[in-house]
Amino acid sequence: ITAASAVPVNGDLEDGYGEPPDEVAKTIRL
């Protein structure tokens, strides 16, 4: 989706794919 888009894209990142804060941080980096 981002590769096809010429405008900024906001992601639906669920709950960060994990309860621990470090998993949420990993999701943001991804």
All heavy atoms as atom14 arrays in JSON, in Angstrom:
{
  "sequence": "ITAASAVPVNGDLEDGYGEPPDEVAKTIRL",
  "atom14_mask": [
    [1, 1, 1, 1, 1, 1, 1, 1, 0, 0, 0, 0, 0, 0],
    [1, 1, 1, 1, 1, 1, 1, 0, 0, 0, 0, 0, 0, 0],
    [1, 1, 1, 1, 1, 0, 0, 0, 0, 0, 0, 0, 0, 0],
    [1, 1, 1, 1, 1, 0, 0, 0, 0, 0, 0, 0, 0, 0],
    [1, 1, 1, 1, 1, 1, 0, 0, 0, 0, 0, 0, 0, 0],
    [1, 1, 1, 1, 1, 0, 0, 0, 0, 0, 0, 0, 0, 0],
    [1, 1, 1, 1, 1, 1, 1, 0, 0, 0, 0, 0, 0, 0],
    [1, 1, 1, 1, 1, 1, 1, 0, 0, 0, 0, 0, 0, 0],
    [1, 1, 1, 1, 1, 1, 1, 0, 0, 0, 0, 0, 0, 0],
    [1, 1, 1, 1, 1, 1, 1, 1, 0, 0, 0, 0, 0, 0],
    [1, 1, 1, 1, 0, 0, 0, 0, 0, 0, 0, 0, 0, 0],
    [1, 1, 1, 1, 1, 1, 1, 1, 0, 0, 0, 0, 0, 0],
    [1, 1, 1, 1, 1, 1, 1, 1, 0, 0, 0, 0, 0, 0],
    [1, 1, 1, 1, 1, 1, 1, 1, 1, 0, 0, 0, 0, 0],
    [1, 1, 1, 1, 1, 1, 1, 1, 0, 0, 0, 0, 0, 0],
    [1, 1, 1, 1, 0, 0, 0, 0, 0, 0, 0, 0, 0, 0],
    [1, 1, 1, 1, 1, 1, 1, 1, 1, 1, 1, 1, 0, 0],
    [1, 1, 1, 1, 0, 0, 0, 0, 0, 0, 0, 0, 0, 0],
    [1, 1, 1, 1, 1, 1, 1, 1, 1, 0, 0, 0, 0, 0],
    [1, 1, 1, 1, 1, 1, 1, 0, 0, 0, 0, 0, 0, 0],
    [1, 1, 1, 1, 1, 1, 1, 0, 0, 0, 0, 0, 0, 0],
    [1, 1, 1, 1, 1, 1, 1, 1, 0, 0, 0, 0, 0, 0],
    [1, 1, 1, 1, 1, 1, 1, 1, 1, 0, 0, 0, 0, 0],
    [1, 1, 1, 1, 1, 1, 1, 0, 0, 0, 0, 0, 0, 0],
    [1, 1, 1, 1, 1, 0, 0, 0, 0, 0, 0, 0, 0, 0],
    [1, 1, 1, 1, 1, 1, 1, 1, 1, 0, 0, 0, 0, 0],
    [1, 1, 1, 1, 1, 1, 1, 0, 0, 0, 0, 0, 0, 0],
    [1, 1, 1, 1, 1, 1, 1, 1, 0, 0, 0, 0, 0, 0],
    [1, 1, 1, 1, 1, 1, 1, 1, 1, 1, 1, 0, 0, 0],
    [1, 1, 1, 1, 1, 1, 1, 1, 0, 0, 0, 0, 0, 0]
  ],
  "atom14_positions": [
    [[0.83, -1.21, 0.0], [0.0, 0.0, 0.0], [0.86, 1.26, 0.0], [0.62, 2.19, -0.77], [-0.96, -0.02, 1.2], [-2.01, -1.13, 1.01], [-1.64, 1.33, 1.4], [-2.87, -1.39, 2.23], [0.0, 0.0, 0.0], [0.0, 0.0, 0.0], [0.0, 0.0, 0.0], [0.0, 0.0, 0.0], [0.0, 0.0, 0.0], [0.0, 0.0, 0.0]],
    [[1.88, 1.3, 0.85], [2.74, 2.49, 0.89], [3.51, 2.66, -0.42], [3.71, 3.78, -0.89], [3.72, 2.44, 2.07], [4.54, 1.27, 1.98], [2.98, 2.43, 3.4], [0.0, 0.0, 0.0], [0.0, 0.0, 0.0], [0.0, 0.0, 0.0], [0.0, 0.0, 0.0], [0.0, 0.0, 0.0], [0.0, 0.0, 0.0], [0.0, 0.0, 0.0]],
    [[3.93, 1.55, -1.03], [4.66, 1.63, -2.29], [3.78, 2.19, -3.41], [4.28, 2.84, -4.33], [5.19, 0.27, -2.69], [0.0, 0.0, 0.0], [0.0, 0.0, 0.0], [0.0, 0.0, 0.0], [0.0, 0.0, 0.0], [0.0, 0.0, 0.0], [0.0, 0.0, 0.0], [0.0, 0.0, 0.0], [0.0, 0.0, 0.0], [0.0, 0.0, 0.0]],
    [[2.47, 1.96, -3.33], [1.56, 2.4, -4.37], [1.01, 3.8, -4.12], [0.35, 4.37, -4.99], [0.39, 1.42, -4.49], [0.0, 0.0, 0.0], [0.0, 0.0, 0.0], [0.0, 0.0, 0.0], [0.0, 0.0, 0.0], [0.0, 0.0, 0.0], [0.0, 0.0, 0.0], [0.0, 0.0, 0.0], [0.0, 0.0, 0.0], [0.0, 0.0, 0.0]],
    [[1.27, 4.34, -2.94], [0.64, 5.6, -2.55], [1.58, 6.78, -2.68], [2.72, 6.74, -2.22], [0.15, 5.5, -1.1], [-0.4, 6.74, -0.68], [0.0, 0.0, 0.0], [0.0, 0.0, 0.0], [0.0, 0.0, 0.0], [0.0, 0.0, 0.0], [0.0, 0.0, 0.0], [0.0, 0.0, 0.0], [0.0, 0.0, 0.0], [0.0, 0.0, 0.0]],
    [[1.08, 7.86, -3.3], [1.87, 9.08, -3.46], [1.59, 10.08, -2.34], [2.08, 11.21, -2.4], [1.55, 9.71, -4.81], [0.0, 0.0, 0.0], [0.0, 0.0, 0.0], [0.0, 0.0, 0.0], [0.0, 0.0, 0.0], [0.0, 0.0, 0.0], [0.0, 0.0, 0.0], [0.0, 0.0, 0.0], [0.0, 0.0, 0.0], [0.0, 0.0, 0.0]],
    [[0.82, 9.68, -1.34], [0.51, 10.55, -0.2], [0.85, 9.79, 1.08], [1.04, 8.57, 1.06], [-0.97, 10.98, -0.19], [-1.32, 11.73, -1.47], [-1.9, 9.79, 0.02], [0.0, 0.0, 0.0], [0.0, 0.0, 0.0], [0.0, 0.0, 0.0], [0.0, 0.0, 0.0], [0.0, 0.0, 0.0], [0.0, 0.0, 0.0], [0.0, 0.0, 0.0]],
    [[0.92, 10.48, 2.23], [1.22, 9.79, 3.49], [0.18, 8.72, 3.81], [-1.01, 8.88, 3.52], [1.19, 10.92, 4.52], [1.45, 12.17, 3.75], [0.82, 11.95, 2.42], [0.0, 0.0, 0.0], [0.0, 0.0, 0.0], [0.0, 0.0, 0.0], [0.0, 0.0, 0.0], [0.0, 0.0, 0.0], [0.0, 0.0, 0.0], [0.0, 0.0, 0.0]],
    [[0.65, 7.63, 4.41], [-0.22, 6.52, 4.79], [-0.13, 6.31, 6.3], [0.97, 6.23, 6.86], [0.17, 5.22, 4.07], [-0.77, 4.09, 4.48], [0.14, 5.42, 2.55], [0.0, 0.0, 0.0], [0.0, 0.0, 0.0], [0.0, 0.0, 0.0], [0.0, 0.0, 0.0], [0.0, 0.0, 0.0], [0.0, 0.0, 0.0], [0.0, 0.0, 0.0]],
    [[-1.28, 6.22, 6.94], [-1.38, 5.9, 8.36], [-1.73, 4.42, 8.5], [-2.6, 3.91, 7.8], [-2.46, 6.76, 9.02], [-2.54, 6.55, 10.51], [-1.7, 7.02, 11.26], [-3.56, 5.82, 10.96], [0.0, 0.0, 0.0], [0.0, 0.0, 0.0], [0.0, 0.0, 0.0], [0.0, 0.0, 0.0], [0.0, 0.0, 0.0], [0.0, 0.0, 0.0]],
    [[-1.06, 3.73, 9.41], [-1.27, 2.29, 9.55], [-2.19, 1.92, 10.7], [-2.08, 2.47, 11.79], [0.0, 0.0, 0.0], [0.0, 0.0, 0.0], [0.0, 0.0, 0.0], [0.0, 0.0, 0.0], [0.0, 0.0, 0.0], [0.0, 0.0, 0.0], [0.0, 0.0, 0.0], [0.0, 0.0, 0.0], [0.0, 0.0, 0.0], [0.0, 0.0, 0.0]],
    [[-3.09, 0.99, 10.44], [-3.88, 0.35, 11.49], [-2.99, -0.75, 12.07], [-2.83, -1.81, 11.48], [-5.15, -0.23, 10.88], [-6.04, -0.93, 11.9], [-5.58, -1.15, 13.05], [-7.19, -1.26, 11.56], [0.0, 0.0, 0.0], [0.0, 0.0, 0.0], [0.0, 0.0, 0.0], [0.0, 0.0, 0.0], [0.0, 0.0, 0.0], [0.0, 0.0, 0.0]],
    [[-2.42, -0.49, 13.24], [-1.41, -1.38, 13.82], [-1.97, -2.22, 14.97], [-1.2, -2.71, 15.82], [-0.2, -0.56, 14.28], [0.45, 0.3, 13.19], [1.59, 1.11, 13.76], [0.93, -0.56, 12.02], [0.0, 0.0, 0.0], [0.0, 0.0, 0.0], [0.0, 0.0, 0.0], [0.0, 0.0, 0.0], [0.0, 0.0, 0.0], [0.0, 0.0, 0.0]],
    [[-3.29, -2.37, 14.99], [-3.94, -3.2, 16.02], [-3.47, -2.76, 17.42], [-3.4, -1.57, 17.69], [-3.64, -4.67, 15.75], [-4.05, -5.17, 14.37], [-5.49, -5.64, 14.3], [-6.26, -5.42, 15.27], [-5.85, -6.25, 13.28], [0.0, 0.0, 0.0], [0.0, 0.0, 0.0], [0.0, 0.0, 0.0], [0.0, 0.0, 0.0], [0.0, 0.0, 0.0]],
    [[-3.14, -3.73, 18.26], [-2.68, -3.39, 19.62], [-1.16, -3.39, 19.69], [-0.59, -3.48, 20.79], [-3.26, -4.36, 20.64], [-2.69, -5.78, 20.51], [-2.16, -6.1, 19.43], [-2.79, -6.56, 21.48], [0.0, 0.0, 0.0], [0.0, 0.0, 0.0], [0.0, 0.0, 0.0], [0.0, 0.0, 0.0], [0.0, 0.0, 0.0], [0.0, 0.0, 0.0]],
    [[-0.51, -3.27, 18.54], [0.94, -3.31, 18.5], [1.48, -4.72, 18.4], [2.69, -4.93, 18.48], [0.0, 0.0, 0.0], [0.0, 0.0, 0.0], [0.0, 0.0, 0.0], [0.0, 0.0, 0.0], [0.0, 0.0, 0.0], [0.0, 0.0, 0.0], [0.0, 0.0, 0.0], [0.0, 0.0, 0.0], [0.0, 0.0, 0.0], [0.0, 0.0, 0.0]],
    [[0.57, -5.7, 18.22], [0.93, -7.11, 18.04], [1.7, -7.67, 19.24], [2.66, -8.41, 19.09], [1.71, -7.32, 16.73], [0.84, -7.01, 15.53], [0.83, -5.75, 14.97], [-0.01, -7.98, 15.01], [0.0, -5.45, 13.9], [-0.84, -7.7, 13.93], [-0.83, -6.44, 13.38], [-1.66, -6.14, 12.33], [0.0, 0.0, 0.0], [0.0, 0.0, 0.0]],
    [[1.22, -7.32, 20.41], [1.82, -7.88, 21.62], [1.54, -6.99, 22.81], [1.46, -5.76, 22.68], [0.0, 0.0, 0.0], [0.0, 0.0, 0.0], [0.0, 0.0, 0.0], [0.0, 0.0, 0.0], [0.0, 0.0, 0.0], [0.0, 0.0, 0.0], [0.0, 0.0, 0.0], [0.0, 0.0, 0.0], [0.0, 0.0, 0.0], [0.0, 0.0, 0.0]],
    [[1.4, -7.59, 23.96], [1.12, -6.82, 25.18], [2.31, -6.02, 25.69], [2.17, -4.86, 26.07], [0.62, -7.76, 26.28], [0.36, -7.07, 27.61], [-0.19, -8.02, 28.65], [-0.87, -9.0, 28.27], [0.06, -7.78, 29.85], [0.0, 0.0, 0.0], [0.0, 0.0, 0.0], [0.0, 0.0, 0.0], [0.0, 0.0, 0.0], [0.0, 0.0, 0.0]],
    [[3.54, -6.59, 25.72], [4.67, -5.87, 26.3], [5.0, -4.59, 25.54], [4.93, -4.55, 24.3], [5.82, -6.88, 26.21], [5.16, -8.21, 26.06], [3.93, -7.95, 25.28], [0.0, 0.0, 0.0], [0.0, 0.0, 0.0], [0.0, 0.0, 0.0], [0.0, 0.0, 0.0], [0.0, 0.0, 0.0], [0.0, 0.0, 0.0], [0.0, 0.0, 0.0]],
    [[5.38, -3.53, 26.24], [5.75, -2.28, 25.56], [6.84, -2.45, 24.52], [6.82, -1.78, 23.49], [6.22, -1.4, 26.73], [5.41, -1.88, 27.9], [5.31, -3.36, 27.72], [0.0, 0.0, 0.0], [0.0, 0.0, 0.0], [0.0, 0.0, 0.0], [0.0, 0.0, 0.0], [0.0, 0.0, 0.0], [0.0, 0.0, 0.0], [0.0, 0.0, 0.0]],
    [[7.8, -3.38, 24.76], [8.86, -3.54, 23.77], [8.37, -4.14, 22.46], [8.92, -3.87, 21.39], [10.04, -4.35, 24.33], [9.65, -5.75, 24.77], [8.44, -6.04, 24.89], [10.56, -6.57, 24.99], [0.0, 0.0, 0.0], [0.0, 0.0, 0.0], [0.0, 0.0, 0.0], [0.0, 0.0, 0.0], [0.0, 0.0, 0.0], [0.0, 0.0, 0.0]],
    [[7.28, -4.93, 22.52], [6.68, -5.45, 21.29], [5.99, -4.33, 20.52], [6.02, -4.29, 19.28], [5.69, -6.58, 21.6], [6.34, -7.91, 21.88], [7.15, -8.44, 20.7], [6.67, -8.33, 19.55], [8.25, -8.95, 20.94], [0.0, 0.0, 0.0], [0.0, 0.0, 0.0], [0.0, 0.0, 0.0], [0.0, 0.0, 0.0], [0.0, 0.0, 0.0]],
    [[5.35, -3.42, 21.25], [4.71, -2.27, 20.61], [5.77, -1.4, 19.93], [5.6, -0.95, 18.8], [3.91, -1.45, 21.63], [3.26, -0.25, 20.96], [2.85, -2.31, 22.3], [0.0, 0.0, 0.0], [0.0, 0.0, 0.0], [0.0, 0.0, 0.0], [0.0, 0.0, 0.0], [0.0, 0.0, 0.0], [0.0, 0.0, 0.0], [0.0, 0.0, 0.0]],
    [[6.89, -1.2, 20.63], [7.99, -0.41, 20.05], [8.51, -1.08, 18.78], [8.81, -0.4, 17.79], [9.11, -0.25, 21.07], [0.0, 0.0, 0.0], [0.0, 0.0, 0.0], [0.0, 0.0, 0.0], [0.0, 0.0, 0.0], [0.0, 0.0, 0.0], [0.0, 0.0, 0.0], [0.0, 0.0, 0.0], [0.0, 0.0, 0.0], [0.0, 0.0, 0.0]],
    [[8.63, -2.41, 18.8], [9.08, -3.13, 17.61], [8.13, -2.92, 16.45], [8.56, -2.71, 15.3], [9.2, -4.62, 17.92], [9.65, -5.47, 16.74], [9.75, -6.94, 17.1], [10.18, -7.78, 15.91], [10.28, -9.23, 16.26], [0.0, 0.0, 0.0], [0.0, 0.0, 0.0], [0.0, 0.0, 0.0], [0.0, 0.0, 0.0], [0.0, 0.0, 0.0]],
    [[6.83, -2.95, 16.74], [5.83, -2.72, 15.69], [5.97, -1.33, 15.09], [5.87, -1.15, 13.87], [4.42, -2.93, 16.25], [4.26, -4.31, 16.6], [3.35, -2.54, 15.25], [0.0, 0.0, 0.0], [0.0, 0.0, 0.0], [0.0, 0.0, 0.0], [0.0, 0.0, 0.0], [0.0, 0.0, 0.0], [0.0, 0.0, 0.0], [0.0, 0.0, 0.0]],
    [[6.23, -0.33, 15.92], [6.41, 1.04, 15.41], [7.64, 1.11, 14.52], [7.62, 1.75, 13.45], [6.51, 2.05, 16.57], [5.2, 2.1, 17.37], [6.86, 3.44, 16.03], [4.0, 2.56, 16.58], [0.0, 0.0, 0.0], [0.0, 0.0, 0.0], [0.0, 0.0, 0.0], [0.0, 0.0, 0.0], [0.0, 0.0, 0.0], [0.0, 0.0, 0.0]],
    [[8.72, 0.47, 14.91], [9.92, 0.48, 14.06], [9.65, -0.21, 12.72], [10.11, 0.26, 11.67], [11.08, -0.19, 14.81], [11.61, 0.64, 15.99], [12.91, 0.08, 16.52], [12.74, -1.19, 17.19], [12.47, -1.34, 18.5], [12.37, -0.26, 19.26], [12.34, -2.53, 19.03], [0.0, 0.0, 0.0], [0.0, 0.0, 0.0], [0.0, 0.0, 0.0]],
    [[8.9, -1.31, 12.76], [8.53, -1.98, 11.51], [7.66, -1.07, 10.65], [7.76, -1.07, 9.42], [7.79, -3.28, 11.82], [8.62, -4.42, 12.4], [7.7, -5.55, 12.87], [9.61, -4.95, 11.36], [0.0, 0.0, 0.0], [0.0, 0.0, 0.0], [0.0, 0.0, 0.0], [0.0, 0.0, 0.0], [0.0, 0.0, 0.0], [0.0, 0.0, 0.0]]
  ]
}
